[in-house]
């Protein structure tokens, strides 16, 4: 999901919305274990006006990536079963794949 914002308050609201939509579940190791990876990319664009007819305006762009990876947990330690066990296996596989990049 991508949203244009015009203030830090808007960024905070978008991040709060994302946090509410995250999947978390309880395991024996963690009461609010994140069950999904989250990536937030914030693009800042700064534009300056032209200083004169021969001095055009400038644009600076910066991107900040905030990454929260779901934690790797040993299945035996979590007490997970069924869907939670499958989620844990998928999380561990995706983390292993990231290690190969």
N, C-alpha and C. Protein backbone atom coordinates (compact mmCIF):
# COMPACT_ATOMS: atom_id res chain seq x y z
N UNK A 1 0.84 -1.17 0.00
CA UNK A 1 0.00 0.00 0.00
C UNK A 1 0.89 1.23 0.00
N UNK A 2 0.53 2.20 -0.79
CA UNK A 2 1.30 3.43 -0.88
C UNK A 2 0.36 4.61 -0.63
N UNK A 3 0.81 5.55 0.18
CA UNK A 3 -0.01 6.72 0.50
C UNK A 3 0.86 7.97 0.48
N UNK A 4 0.34 9.03 -0.11
CA UNK A 4 1.04 10.31 -0.06
C UNK A 4 0.63 11.01 1.22
N UNK A 5 1.62 11.57 1.91
CA UNK A 5 1.37 12.29 3.15
C UNK A 5 2.07 13.63 3.08
N UNK A 6 1.61 14.56 3.90
CA UNK A 6 2.20 15.89 3.86
C UNK A 6 2.76 16.36 5.19
N UNK A 7 2.75 15.48 6.20
CA UNK A 7 3.26 15.88 7.51
C UNK A 7 3.71 14.64 8.28
N UNK A 8 4.46 14.89 9.33
CA UNK A 8 4.90 13.79 10.18
C UNK A 8 3.70 13.13 10.87
N UNK A 9 2.70 13.94 11.18
CA UNK A 9 1.48 13.38 11.80
C UNK A 9 0.81 12.38 10.86
N UNK A 10 0.79 12.70 9.55
CA UNK A 10 0.21 11.78 8.57
C UNK A 10 1.01 10.48 8.49
N UNK A 11 2.33 10.59 8.58
CA UNK A 11 3.18 9.39 8.57
C UNK A 11 2.83 8.53 9.78
N UNK A 12 2.70 9.16 10.93
CA UNK A 12 2.37 8.42 12.15
C UNK A 12 1.02 7.72 12.03
N UNK A 13 0.03 8.39 11.46
CA UNK A 13 -1.29 7.78 11.27
C UNK A 13 -1.20 6.57 10.34
N UNK A 14 -0.43 6.67 9.26
CA UNK A 14 -0.27 5.55 8.34
C UNK A 14 0.41 4.37 9.03
N UNK A 15 1.42 4.67 9.85
CA UNK A 15 2.12 3.59 10.55
C UNK A 15 1.21 2.94 11.59
N UNK A 16 0.37 3.73 12.25
CA UNK A 16 -0.59 3.17 13.21
C UNK A 16 -1.58 2.24 12.51
N UNK A 17 -2.03 2.65 11.33
CA UNK A 17 -2.95 1.82 10.56
C UNK A 17 -2.28 0.50 10.18
N UNK A 18 -1.04 0.58 9.74
CA UNK A 18 -0.29 -0.63 9.40
C UNK A 18 -0.10 -1.54 10.59
N UNK A 19 0.19 -0.96 11.75
CA UNK A 19 0.38 -1.75 12.96
C UNK A 19 -0.91 -2.47 13.34
N UNK A 20 -2.03 -1.81 13.20
CA UNK A 20 -3.32 -2.44 13.51
C UNK A 20 -3.62 -3.60 12.57
N UNK A 21 -3.11 -3.54 11.35
CA UNK A 21 -3.38 -4.58 10.35
C UNK A 21 -2.38 -5.72 10.40
N UNK A 22 -1.35 -5.63 11.23
CA UNK A 22 -0.35 -6.68 11.34
C UNK A 22 -0.96 -7.93 11.96
N UNK A 23 -0.44 -9.06 11.56
CA UNK A 23 -0.87 -10.32 12.15
C UNK A 23 0.06 -10.66 13.30
N UNK A 24 -0.52 -10.80 14.48
CA UNK A 24 0.24 -11.24 15.65
C UNK A 24 -0.52 -12.40 16.29
N UNK A 25 0.21 -13.25 16.97
CA UNK A 25 -0.41 -14.39 17.65
C UNK A 25 0.42 -14.73 18.87
N UNK A 26 -0.20 -15.36 19.82
CA UNK A 26 0.48 -15.77 21.04
C UNK A 26 1.16 -17.12 20.85
N UNK A 27 2.40 -17.21 21.33
CA UNK A 27 3.11 -18.49 21.37
C UNK A 27 3.62 -18.67 22.79
N UNK A 28 4.16 -19.82 23.10
CA UNK A 28 4.70 -20.07 24.44
C UNK A 28 5.91 -19.18 24.72
N UNK A 29 6.56 -18.66 23.68
CA UNK A 29 7.74 -17.82 23.86
C UNK A 29 7.42 -16.33 23.88
N UNK A 30 6.29 -15.94 23.28
CA UNK A 30 6.01 -14.52 23.09
C UNK A 30 4.50 -14.31 23.01
N UNK A 31 3.97 -13.46 23.87
CA UNK A 31 2.52 -13.24 23.91
C UNK A 31 2.00 -12.50 22.67
N UNK A 32 2.84 -11.69 22.04
CA UNK A 32 2.42 -10.95 20.84
C UNK A 32 3.44 -11.16 19.73
N UNK A 33 3.63 -12.40 19.34
CA UNK A 33 4.61 -12.75 18.32
C UNK A 33 4.15 -12.26 16.95
N UNK A 34 4.99 -11.49 16.28
CA UNK A 34 4.68 -11.03 14.94
C UNK A 34 4.69 -12.20 13.98
N UNK A 35 3.65 -12.33 13.19
CA UNK A 35 3.54 -13.46 12.26
C UNK A 35 3.73 -13.01 10.82
N UNK A 36 4.24 -11.81 10.61
CA UNK A 36 4.45 -11.30 9.26
C UNK A 36 5.62 -10.33 9.26
N UNK A 37 6.26 -10.20 8.12
CA UNK A 37 7.30 -9.20 7.95
C UNK A 37 6.62 -7.87 7.60
N UNK A 38 7.22 -6.78 8.06
CA UNK A 38 6.67 -5.46 7.76
C UNK A 38 7.79 -4.59 7.20
N UNK A 39 7.50 -3.93 6.09
CA UNK A 39 8.46 -2.99 5.50
C UNK A 39 7.74 -1.67 5.27
N UNK A 40 8.32 -0.60 5.83
CA UNK A 40 7.78 0.73 5.63
C UNK A 40 8.87 1.54 4.93
N UNK A 41 8.56 2.04 3.75
CA UNK A 41 9.50 2.89 3.01
C UNK A 41 8.95 4.30 3.01
N UNK A 42 9.73 5.21 3.54
CA UNK A 42 9.32 6.61 3.58
C UNK A 42 10.20 7.38 2.60
N UNK A 43 9.56 8.01 1.63
CA UNK A 43 10.28 8.79 0.63
C UNK A 43 10.07 10.27 0.94
N UNK A 44 11.17 10.97 1.18
CA UNK A 44 11.12 12.40 1.44
C UNK A 44 11.53 13.12 0.16
N UNK A 45 10.74 14.10 -0.26
CA UNK A 45 11.06 14.90 -1.44
C UNK A 45 11.10 16.36 -1.02
N UNK A 46 12.24 16.99 -1.24
CA UNK A 46 12.42 18.40 -0.90
C UNK A 46 12.63 19.16 -2.20
N UNK A 47 11.78 20.14 -2.43
CA UNK A 47 11.89 20.95 -3.65
C UNK A 47 12.17 22.40 -3.26
N UNK A 48 13.15 22.99 -3.96
CA UNK A 48 13.45 24.40 -3.73
C UNK A 48 13.04 25.18 -4.97
N UNK A 49 12.61 26.38 -4.74
CA UNK A 49 12.18 27.24 -5.85
C UNK A 49 13.39 27.76 -6.61
N UNK A 50 13.15 28.15 -7.84
CA UNK A 50 14.22 28.71 -8.65
C UNK A 50 14.71 30.00 -8.02
N UNK A 51 16.04 30.16 -7.95
CA UNK A 51 16.63 31.35 -7.35
C UNK A 51 16.71 32.50 -8.35
N UNK A 52 16.56 32.19 -9.61
CA UNK A 52 16.63 33.21 -10.65
C UNK A 52 16.44 32.56 -12.00
N UNK A 53 16.44 33.34 -13.07
CA UNK A 53 16.19 32.78 -14.40
C UNK A 53 17.24 31.76 -14.85
N UNK A 54 18.47 31.91 -14.40
CA UNK A 54 19.53 30.97 -14.79
C UNK A 54 19.87 29.99 -13.67
N UNK A 55 19.09 29.99 -12.61
CA UNK A 55 19.33 29.09 -11.48
C UNK A 55 18.04 28.34 -11.18
N UNK A 56 17.87 27.19 -11.83
CA UNK A 56 16.63 26.44 -11.64
C UNK A 56 16.51 25.89 -10.21
N UNK A 57 15.31 25.55 -9.84
CA UNK A 57 15.08 24.94 -8.54
C UNK A 57 15.69 23.54 -8.48
N UNK A 58 15.82 23.04 -7.29
CA UNK A 58 16.40 21.71 -7.12
C UNK A 58 15.41 20.79 -6.40
N UNK A 59 15.57 19.49 -6.65
CA UNK A 59 14.78 18.48 -5.96
C UNK A 59 15.73 17.47 -5.34
N UNK A 60 15.55 17.21 -4.05
CA UNK A 60 16.33 16.19 -3.35
C UNK A 60 15.36 15.11 -2.91
N UNK A 61 15.75 13.87 -3.10
CA UNK A 61 14.92 12.75 -2.69
C UNK A 61 15.72 11.81 -1.81
N UNK A 62 15.13 11.42 -0.69
CA UNK A 62 15.74 10.46 0.22
C UNK A 62 14.70 9.40 0.56
N UNK A 63 15.16 8.15 0.69
CA UNK A 63 14.27 7.06 1.05
C UNK A 63 14.79 6.40 2.31
N UNK A 64 13.91 6.23 3.28
CA UNK A 64 14.24 5.53 4.51
C UNK A 64 13.41 4.26 4.55
N UNK A 65 14.06 3.12 4.74
CA UNK A 65 13.36 1.84 4.85
C UNK A 65 13.40 1.37 6.29
N UNK A 66 12.22 1.13 6.85
CA UNK A 66 12.09 0.57 8.19
C UNK A 66 11.61 -0.86 8.03
N UNK A 67 12.36 -1.81 8.55
CA UNK A 67 12.04 -3.22 8.34
C UNK A 67 11.89 -3.92 9.69
N UNK A 68 10.78 -4.63 9.84
CA UNK A 68 10.54 -5.45 11.03
C UNK A 68 10.28 -6.87 10.54
N UNK A 69 11.24 -7.74 10.77
CA UNK A 69 11.09 -9.12 10.33
C UNK A 69 10.45 -9.95 11.43
N UNK A 70 9.53 -10.80 11.03
CA UNK A 70 8.93 -11.73 11.99
C UNK A 70 10.05 -12.58 12.58
N UNK A 71 9.94 -12.87 13.84
CA UNK A 71 11.01 -13.60 14.52
C UNK A 71 11.05 -15.07 14.19
N UNK A 72 12.25 -15.59 14.22
CA UNK A 72 12.47 -17.01 14.03
C UNK A 72 12.40 -17.69 15.38
N UNK A 73 11.53 -18.68 15.50
CA UNK A 73 11.38 -19.39 16.76
C UNK A 73 11.43 -20.89 16.49
N UNK A 74 12.07 -21.61 17.37
CA UNK A 74 12.09 -23.07 17.25
C UNK A 74 10.71 -23.61 17.57
N UNK A 75 10.21 -24.47 16.71
CA UNK A 75 8.85 -24.99 16.85
C UNK A 75 8.63 -25.65 18.21
N UNK A 76 9.60 -26.39 18.69
CA UNK A 76 9.45 -27.10 19.97
C UNK A 76 9.32 -26.12 21.13
N UNK A 77 9.96 -24.95 21.02
CA UNK A 77 9.94 -23.98 22.11
C UNK A 77 8.66 -23.16 22.16
N UNK A 78 7.95 -23.06 21.03
CA UNK A 78 6.78 -22.20 20.97
C UNK A 78 5.51 -22.88 21.44
N UNK A 79 5.49 -24.20 21.39
CA UNK A 79 4.26 -24.91 21.71
C UNK A 79 3.22 -24.77 20.62
N UNK A 80 3.64 -24.32 19.45
CA UNK A 80 2.71 -24.08 18.34
C UNK A 80 2.25 -25.39 17.72
N UNK A 81 1.01 -25.36 17.23
CA UNK A 81 0.44 -26.51 16.53
C UNK A 81 -0.49 -25.99 15.44
N UNK A 82 -0.80 -26.81 14.49
CA UNK A 82 -1.76 -26.44 13.44
C UNK A 82 -1.29 -25.26 12.62
N UNK A 83 -2.19 -24.25 12.48
CA UNK A 83 -1.88 -23.08 11.66
C UNK A 83 -0.68 -22.30 12.18
N UNK A 84 -0.53 -22.18 13.50
CA UNK A 84 0.61 -21.46 14.07
C UNK A 84 1.93 -22.15 13.72
N UNK A 85 1.93 -23.48 13.71
CA UNK A 85 3.12 -24.23 13.35
C UNK A 85 3.46 -24.00 11.88
N UNK A 86 2.44 -23.99 11.02
CA UNK A 86 2.66 -23.73 9.59
C UNK A 86 3.17 -22.31 9.37
N UNK A 87 2.61 -21.34 10.11
CA UNK A 87 3.09 -19.95 10.01
C UNK A 87 4.56 -19.87 10.38
N UNK A 88 4.91 -20.53 11.49
CA UNK A 88 6.31 -20.52 11.94
C UNK A 88 7.25 -21.11 10.91
N UNK A 89 6.83 -22.19 10.27
CA UNK A 89 7.65 -22.80 9.22
C UNK A 89 7.82 -21.85 8.04
N UNK A 90 6.75 -21.15 7.67
CA UNK A 90 6.82 -20.20 6.55
C UNK A 90 7.72 -19.02 6.90
N UNK A 91 7.62 -18.54 8.13
CA UNK A 91 8.49 -17.44 8.59
C UNK A 91 9.96 -17.88 8.54
N UNK A 92 10.25 -19.05 9.08
CA UNK A 92 11.63 -19.54 9.07
C UNK A 92 12.16 -19.72 7.66
N UNK A 93 11.31 -20.22 6.75
CA UNK A 93 11.74 -20.40 5.36
C UNK A 93 12.04 -19.04 4.72
N UNK A 94 11.18 -18.05 4.95
CA UNK A 94 11.41 -16.74 4.33
C UNK A 94 12.65 -16.10 4.90
N UNK A 95 12.93 -16.25 6.20
CA UNK A 95 14.15 -15.70 6.78
C UNK A 95 15.39 -16.38 6.20
N UNK A 96 15.30 -17.69 5.97
CA UNK A 96 16.42 -18.42 5.34
C UNK A 96 16.65 -17.91 3.93
N UNK A 97 15.58 -17.65 3.21
CA UNK A 97 15.68 -17.14 1.84
C UNK A 97 16.34 -15.76 1.85
N UNK A 98 15.98 -14.89 2.80
CA UNK A 98 16.60 -13.57 2.89
C UNK A 98 18.11 -13.71 3.14
N UNK A 99 18.50 -14.71 3.89
CA UNK A 99 19.92 -14.93 4.16
C UNK A 99 20.71 -15.31 2.92
N UNK A 100 20.02 -15.77 1.88
CA UNK A 100 20.68 -16.17 0.64
C UNK A 100 20.85 -15.00 -0.33
N UNK A 101 20.27 -13.86 -0.02
CA UNK A 101 20.32 -12.71 -0.93
C UNK A 101 21.63 -11.98 -0.80
